[in-house]
Amino acid sequence: MLGRALALRGEAVLLIGDDRLIPCSDWDLSTRDAKPRAYRVTIPEVGGGRSVTALAPEVLHIVTGADVATPYAGQSPLRRAAITAGLLHVLESALSEVYENAPLGSQIVPFPESPDTDNEALSRGFRGRRGSVLLRESVNVTAAGGPTPQTDWSPNTITPDLSRAMTAEHVASARDAIAGAFGVLPGLLNPQTTGPMVREAQRHLAQFALQPIAEIIAQEATDKLGASVALDLITPLQAYDQGGRARAFATMIEGLANAKAAGLSPEAIKAALAFIDERG
């Protein structure tokens, strides 16, 4: 729930209870020196929420994407990519209307000699006629009373050509831009993505997007809960395949052997490992 709130709202407020954290659906706060002092939060309940007043140390307030003008309020990735999100919404709405109302797969044969009222009624009749063949009798005949010309009966499809509008390309580019705003590499959504690419995309997401947020959450929880809190998203994403694990183990052994050959002390080796991973 905390991660979903940060993704959709850019901030999350949880009231510190006796034995658990209570999520808040809405809140109001007062600040001094750009820091929150007190909160009036709304706790969701069956039949309606209830309002609770609490001081800042009694509330976990996680903020991401804050602006310098409002450091106490967060911004969601969709808000930072509002134009792209709006474009994707417009495209999806337009495509839904096309697939709902357009006569996909329908065919007609032309009959030019008709009043405008008949043509208007015919055009309204084409709406939603999916996959049907609409036949209309032609009155275009020769002057000698011969048969109807064959060219008058050539069928024409009325399926809209969406490829000229490049809807597929626009939807894909908007989707990739939104995924990039959330820290997801667009290659992760590619149908031709391979296993190594999936692992690297997951590590990129964890290292550059999720782990900094986890550090913010851990710092806030440490300040408010009175205990040291650490959130690690990097270690679970280390190489889990046998080949990668074997290579990582061989590299680690080789590095330790070189450090011992160089005469480094255990303290220096430990410091080097801490430099690579501060949680090591």
Protein backbone atom coordinates (compact mmCIF):
# COMPACT_ATOMS: atom_id res chain seq x y z
CA MET A 1 0.00 0.00 0.00
CA LEU A 2 2.89 2.35 0.73
CA GLY A 3 4.50 1.67 -2.65
CA ARG A 4 1.18 2.09 -4.49
CA ALA A 5 0.53 5.39 -2.74
CA LEU A 6 4.00 6.68 -3.66
CA ALA A 7 3.50 5.60 -7.28
CA LEU A 8 0.05 7.16 -7.70
CA ARG A 9 0.24 10.18 -5.35
CA GLY A 10 3.95 10.75 -4.80
CA GLU A 11 3.52 10.71 -1.02
CA ALA A 12 2.08 8.52 1.69
CA VAL A 13 0.97 9.23 5.26
CA LEU A 14 0.68 6.49 7.86
CA LEU A 15 -0.38 7.02 11.45
CA ILE A 16 1.80 5.21 13.98
CA GLY A 17 -0.52 2.98 16.02
CA ASP A 18 0.10 0.84 19.05
CA ASP A 19 1.11 -2.26 17.10
CA ARG A 20 1.01 -1.29 13.42
CA LEU A 21 1.01 1.52 10.89
CA ILE A 22 -2.44 2.84 9.96
CA PRO A 23 -2.76 4.12 6.36
CA CYS A 24 -4.45 7.49 5.87
CA SER A 25 -6.61 8.29 2.86
CA ASP A 26 -6.46 12.08 3.25
CA TRP A 27 -4.58 14.56 5.37
CA ASP A 28 -3.96 18.19 6.15
CA LEU A 29 -0.88 19.56 7.86
CA SER A 30 0.69 22.67 9.32
CA THR A 31 4.37 23.49 8.86
CA ARG A 32 7.12 25.63 10.28
CA ASP A 33 10.42 26.17 8.47
CA ALA A 34 9.01 23.96 5.67
CA LYS A 35 8.76 21.02 8.09
CA PRO A 36 5.45 19.46 9.18
CA ARG A 37 4.40 20.14 12.76
CA ALA A 38 0.93 18.63 13.10
CA TYR A 39 -1.47 16.59 10.97
CA ARG A 40 -5.20 16.15 10.68
CA VAL A 41 -5.55 12.79 8.97
CA THR A 42 -8.55 10.82 7.75
CA ILE A 43 -8.53 7.10 8.49
CA PRO A 44 -10.73 5.02 6.17
CA GLU A 45 -13.43 3.06 7.97
CA VAL A 46 -16.47 1.06 6.89
CA GLY A 47 -19.30 3.56 6.50
CA GLY A 48 -16.99 6.60 6.28
CA GLY A 49 -13.65 7.82 7.52
CA ARG A 50 -12.83 9.35 10.87
CA SER A 51 -10.57 12.32 11.51
CA VAL A 52 -7.60 12.15 13.87
CA THR A 53 -5.24 14.94 14.94
CA ALA A 54 -1.61 13.96 15.52
CA LEU A 55 1.78 15.60 15.93
CA ALA A 56 4.51 15.14 13.36
CA PRO A 57 6.47 12.50 15.39
CA GLU A 58 3.31 10.36 15.44
CA VAL A 59 3.02 10.19 11.66
CA LEU A 60 5.15 8.62 8.95
CA HIS A 61 5.13 11.00 5.98
CA ILE A 62 7.00 9.71 2.92
CA VAL A 63 7.54 12.26 0.13
CA THR A 64 9.02 11.64 -3.32
CA GLY A 65 9.55 14.04 -6.21
CA ALA A 66 9.15 17.08 -3.98
CA ASP A 67 9.40 20.56 -5.43
CA VAL A 68 11.49 23.29 -3.85
CA ALA A 69 8.39 25.44 -3.41
CA THR A 70 6.52 22.66 -1.56
CA PRO A 71 9.10 20.34 0.03
CA TYR A 72 6.41 18.82 2.24
CA ALA A 73 4.28 17.60 -0.73
CA GLY A 74 5.21 14.89 -3.20
CA GLN A 75 4.62 14.51 -6.92
CA SER A 76 3.81 11.26 -8.66
CA PRO A 77 5.72 10.19 -11.78
CA LEU A 78 2.53 10.57 -13.84
CA ARG A 79 2.29 14.20 -12.78
CA ARG A 80 5.87 14.78 -13.88
CA ALA A 81 4.94 13.17 -17.21
CA ALA A 82 1.50 14.77 -17.45
CA ILE A 83 1.69 15.53 -21.18
CA THR A 84 2.64 11.96 -22.04
CA ALA A 85 -0.05 10.53 -19.77
CA GLY A 86 -2.63 12.87 -21.33
CA LEU A 87 -1.53 11.86 -24.82
CA LEU A 88 -1.89 8.18 -23.98
CA HIS A 89 -5.35 8.82 -22.51
CA VAL A 90 -6.46 10.68 -25.66
CA LEU A 91 -5.13 7.90 -27.90
CA GLU A 92 -6.84 5.18 -25.89
CA SER A 93 -10.13 7.11 -25.89
CA ALA A 94 -9.93 7.70 -29.65
CA LEU A 95 -9.13 4.07 -30.37
CA SER A 96 -11.95 2.87 -28.12
CA GLU A 97 -14.42 5.06 -30.02
CA VAL A 98 -13.11 3.83 -33.36
CA TYR A 99 -13.42 0.17 -32.41
CA GLU A 100 -16.86 0.80 -30.93
CA ASN A 101 -18.44 2.81 -33.75
CA ALA A 102 -16.42 2.20 -36.91
CA PRO A 103 -17.85 -0.34 -39.40
CA LEU A 104 -14.81 -2.61 -39.31
CA GLY A 105 -14.78 -5.21 -42.09
CA SER A 106 -17.84 -3.78 -43.83
CA GLN A 107 -18.09 -3.32 -47.59
CA ILE A 108 -20.42 -1.32 -49.80
CA VAL A 109 -21.01 -0.82 -53.51
CA PRO A 110 -21.49 2.76 -54.69
CA PHE A 111 -24.73 4.16 -56.07
CA PRO A 112 -24.18 7.81 -57.01
CA GLU A 113 -27.69 8.70 -58.17
CA SER A 114 -29.48 9.22 -54.82
CA PRO A 115 -30.86 12.23 -52.95
CA ASP A 116 -28.85 13.69 -50.08
CA THR A 117 -31.44 12.47 -47.57
CA ASP A 118 -30.94 8.87 -48.70
CA ASN A 119 -27.16 9.22 -48.50
CA GLU A 120 -27.45 10.63 -44.98
CA ALA A 121 -29.67 7.76 -43.88
CA LEU A 122 -27.26 5.29 -45.48
CA SER A 123 -24.25 6.79 -43.70
CA ARG A 124 -26.05 6.47 -40.37
CA GLY A 125 -26.83 2.87 -41.19
CA PHE A 126 -23.12 2.06 -41.57
CA ARG A 127 -22.44 2.70 -37.88
CA GLY A 128 -21.46 -0.43 -36.04
CA ARG A 129 -22.11 -2.71 -39.05
CA ARG A 130 -19.07 -4.88 -38.40
CA GLY A 131 -18.12 -7.48 -40.94
CA SER A 132 -21.29 -7.11 -43.00
CA VAL A 133 -21.64 -6.53 -46.74
CA LEU A 134 -24.07 -3.70 -47.47
CA LEU A 135 -25.68 -4.01 -50.91
CA ARG A 136 -27.56 -1.20 -52.58
CA GLU A 137 -29.31 -1.43 -55.96
CA SER A 138 -27.89 0.89 -58.54
CA VAL A 139 -29.98 2.92 -60.97
CA ASN A 140 -27.08 3.83 -63.19
CA VAL A 141 -27.95 2.22 -66.56
CA THR A 142 -27.06 2.93 -70.16
CA ALA A 143 -29.18 5.14 -72.40
CA ALA A 144 -30.25 2.19 -74.60
CA GLY A 145 -31.69 0.32 -71.63
CA GLY A 146 -28.77 -2.12 -71.42
CA PRO A 147 -27.46 -3.80 -68.26
CA THR A 148 -25.78 -1.99 -65.42
CA PRO A 149 -22.07 -1.30 -66.04
CA GLN A 150 -19.78 -3.71 -64.22
CA THR A 151 -17.68 -0.86 -62.83
CA ASP A 152 -20.71 0.33 -60.89
CA TRP A 153 -20.62 -2.85 -58.74
CA SER A 154 -17.00 -2.79 -57.62
CA PRO A 155 -17.04 -3.25 -53.82
CA ASN A 156 -15.25 -0.83 -51.52
CA THR A 157 -14.26 -1.36 -47.92
CA ILE A 158 -15.10 1.29 -45.34
CA THR A 159 -12.73 0.03 -42.66
CA PRO A 160 -10.74 3.06 -41.42
CA ASP A 161 -7.03 3.00 -42.20
CA LEU A 162 -5.48 3.59 -38.78
CA SER A 163 -1.94 2.92 -39.99
CA ARG A 164 -1.75 6.40 -41.55
CA ALA A 165 -2.39 7.98 -38.16
CA MET A 166 0.54 5.95 -36.69
CA THR A 167 -1.56 5.05 -33.67
CA ALA A 168 0.52 1.98 -32.83
CA GLU A 169 3.74 3.99 -32.83
CA HIS A 170 2.23 6.77 -30.72
CA VAL A 171 0.81 4.36 -28.15
CA ALA A 172 4.13 2.52 -27.89
CA SER A 173 6.14 5.74 -27.50
CA ALA A 174 3.76 7.11 -24.86
CA ARG A 175 3.86 3.83 -22.97
CA ASP A 176 7.67 3.79 -23.06
CA ALA A 177 7.83 7.39 -21.84
CA ILE A 178 5.55 6.62 -18.90
CA ALA A 179 7.55 3.50 -18.08
CA GLY A 180 10.72 5.61 -18.15
CA ALA A 181 9.14 8.09 -15.74
CA PHE A 182 8.64 5.22 -13.29
CA GLY A 183 12.23 4.03 -13.78
CA VAL A 184 11.36 1.02 -15.94
CA LEU A 185 13.55 0.55 -18.99
CA PRO A 186 11.39 0.40 -22.16
CA GLY A 187 13.33 -2.67 -23.27
CA LEU A 188 11.69 -4.66 -20.48
CA LEU A 189 8.35 -4.38 -22.34
CA ASN A 190 9.81 -5.37 -25.71
CA PRO A 191 8.41 -8.69 -27.00
CA GLN A 192 11.95 -9.71 -28.06
CA THR A 193 13.40 -9.16 -24.57
CA THR A 194 15.72 -11.93 -23.40
CA GLY A 195 16.51 -13.18 -19.90
CA PRO A 196 19.70 -11.12 -19.37
CA MET A 197 17.88 -7.97 -20.48
CA VAL A 198 15.06 -8.67 -18.01
CA ARG A 199 17.55 -9.10 -15.16
CA GLU A 200 19.46 -5.94 -16.04
CA ALA A 201 16.22 -3.95 -16.35
CA GLN A 202 15.11 -5.21 -12.95
CA ARG A 203 18.46 -4.27 -11.40
CA HIS A 204 18.32 -0.84 -13.01
CA LEU A 205 14.83 -0.32 -11.59
CA ALA A 206 15.92 -1.43 -8.13
CA GLN A 207 19.19 0.52 -8.03
CA PHE A 208 18.23 3.85 -9.58
CA ALA A 209 14.50 4.13 -8.84
CA LEU A 210 13.39 1.96 -5.93
CA GLN A 211 16.45 1.86 -3.67
CA PRO A 212 16.62 5.68 -3.24
CA ILE A 213 12.93 5.64 -2.30
CA ALA A 214 13.61 2.78 0.10
CA GLU A 215 16.36 4.87 1.72
CA ILE A 216 13.88 7.73 2.20
CA ILE A 217 11.38 5.35 3.79
CA ALA A 218 14.06 3.84 6.03
CA GLN A 219 15.27 7.25 7.18
CA GLU A 220 11.74 8.43 8.00
CA ALA A 221 10.95 5.17 9.81
CA THR A 222 14.21 5.37 11.79
CA ASP A 223 13.46 8.93 12.89
CA LYS A 224 9.84 8.23 13.89
CA LEU A 225 9.88 4.64 15.18
CA GLY A 226 12.91 4.97 17.43
CA ALA A 227 14.72 1.95 15.97
CA SER A 228 17.17 1.43 13.15
CA VAL A 229 15.30 0.49 9.97
CA ALA A 230 17.02 -0.63 6.75
CA LEU A 231 15.42 -1.60 3.44
CA ASP A 232 17.58 -3.50 0.95
CA LEU A 233 16.35 -3.98 -2.61
CA ILE A 234 19.74 -4.65 -4.20
CA THR A 235 20.84 -7.90 -2.58
CA PRO A 236 17.75 -9.93 -3.60
CA LEU A 237 18.41 -8.97 -7.24
CA GLN A 238 21.96 -10.29 -7.35
CA ALA A 239 22.80 -12.95 -9.91
CA TYR A 240 20.58 -15.95 -9.21
CA ASP A 241 21.47 -18.09 -12.20
CA GLN A 242 24.17 -20.73 -11.75
CA GLY A 243 26.52 -19.26 -14.34
CA GLY A 244 26.29 -15.75 -12.93
CA ARG A 245 26.69 -16.99 -9.36
CA ALA A 246 29.78 -19.00 -10.30
CA ARG A 247 31.36 -16.02 -12.08
CA ALA A 248 30.58 -13.72 -9.16
CA PHE A 249 32.08 -16.21 -6.70
CA ALA A 250 35.23 -16.63 -8.82
CA THR A 251 35.63 -12.87 -9.12
CA MET A 252 35.25 -12.42 -5.36
CA ILE A 253 37.81 -15.13 -4.58
CA GLU A 254 40.25 -13.63 -7.08
CA GLY A 255 39.80 -10.18 -5.57
CA LEU A 256 40.38 -11.46 -2.02
CA ALA A 257 43.48 -13.36 -3.16
CA ASN A 258 44.88 -10.25 -4.83
CA ALA A 259 44.16 -8.20 -1.72
CA LYS A 260 45.95 -10.73 0.46
CA ALA A 261 48.90 -10.85 -1.94
CA ALA A 262 49.09 -7.07 -1.83
CA GLY A 263 49.36 -7.22 1.95
CA LEU A 264 46.11 -5.42 2.75
CA SER A 265 44.87 -5.71 6.30
CA PRO A 266 41.44 -7.18 7.10
CA GLU A 267 40.27 -3.69 8.05
CA ALA A 268 41.25 -2.35 4.63
CA ILE A 269 39.47 -5.25 2.88
CA LYS A 270 36.37 -4.65 4.98
CA ALA A 271 36.46 -0.95 4.13
CA ALA A 272 36.75 -1.78 0.43
CA LEU A 273 33.74 -4.11 0.67
CA ALA A 274 31.80 -1.42 2.51
CA PHE A 275 32.69 1.02 -0.27
CA ILE A 276 31.16 -1.37 -2.82
CA ASP A 277 28.09 -2.01 -0.69
CA GLU A 278 27.53 0.18 2.35
CA ARG A 279 25.37 -2.56 3.87
CA GLY A 280 28.19 -5.14 3.51
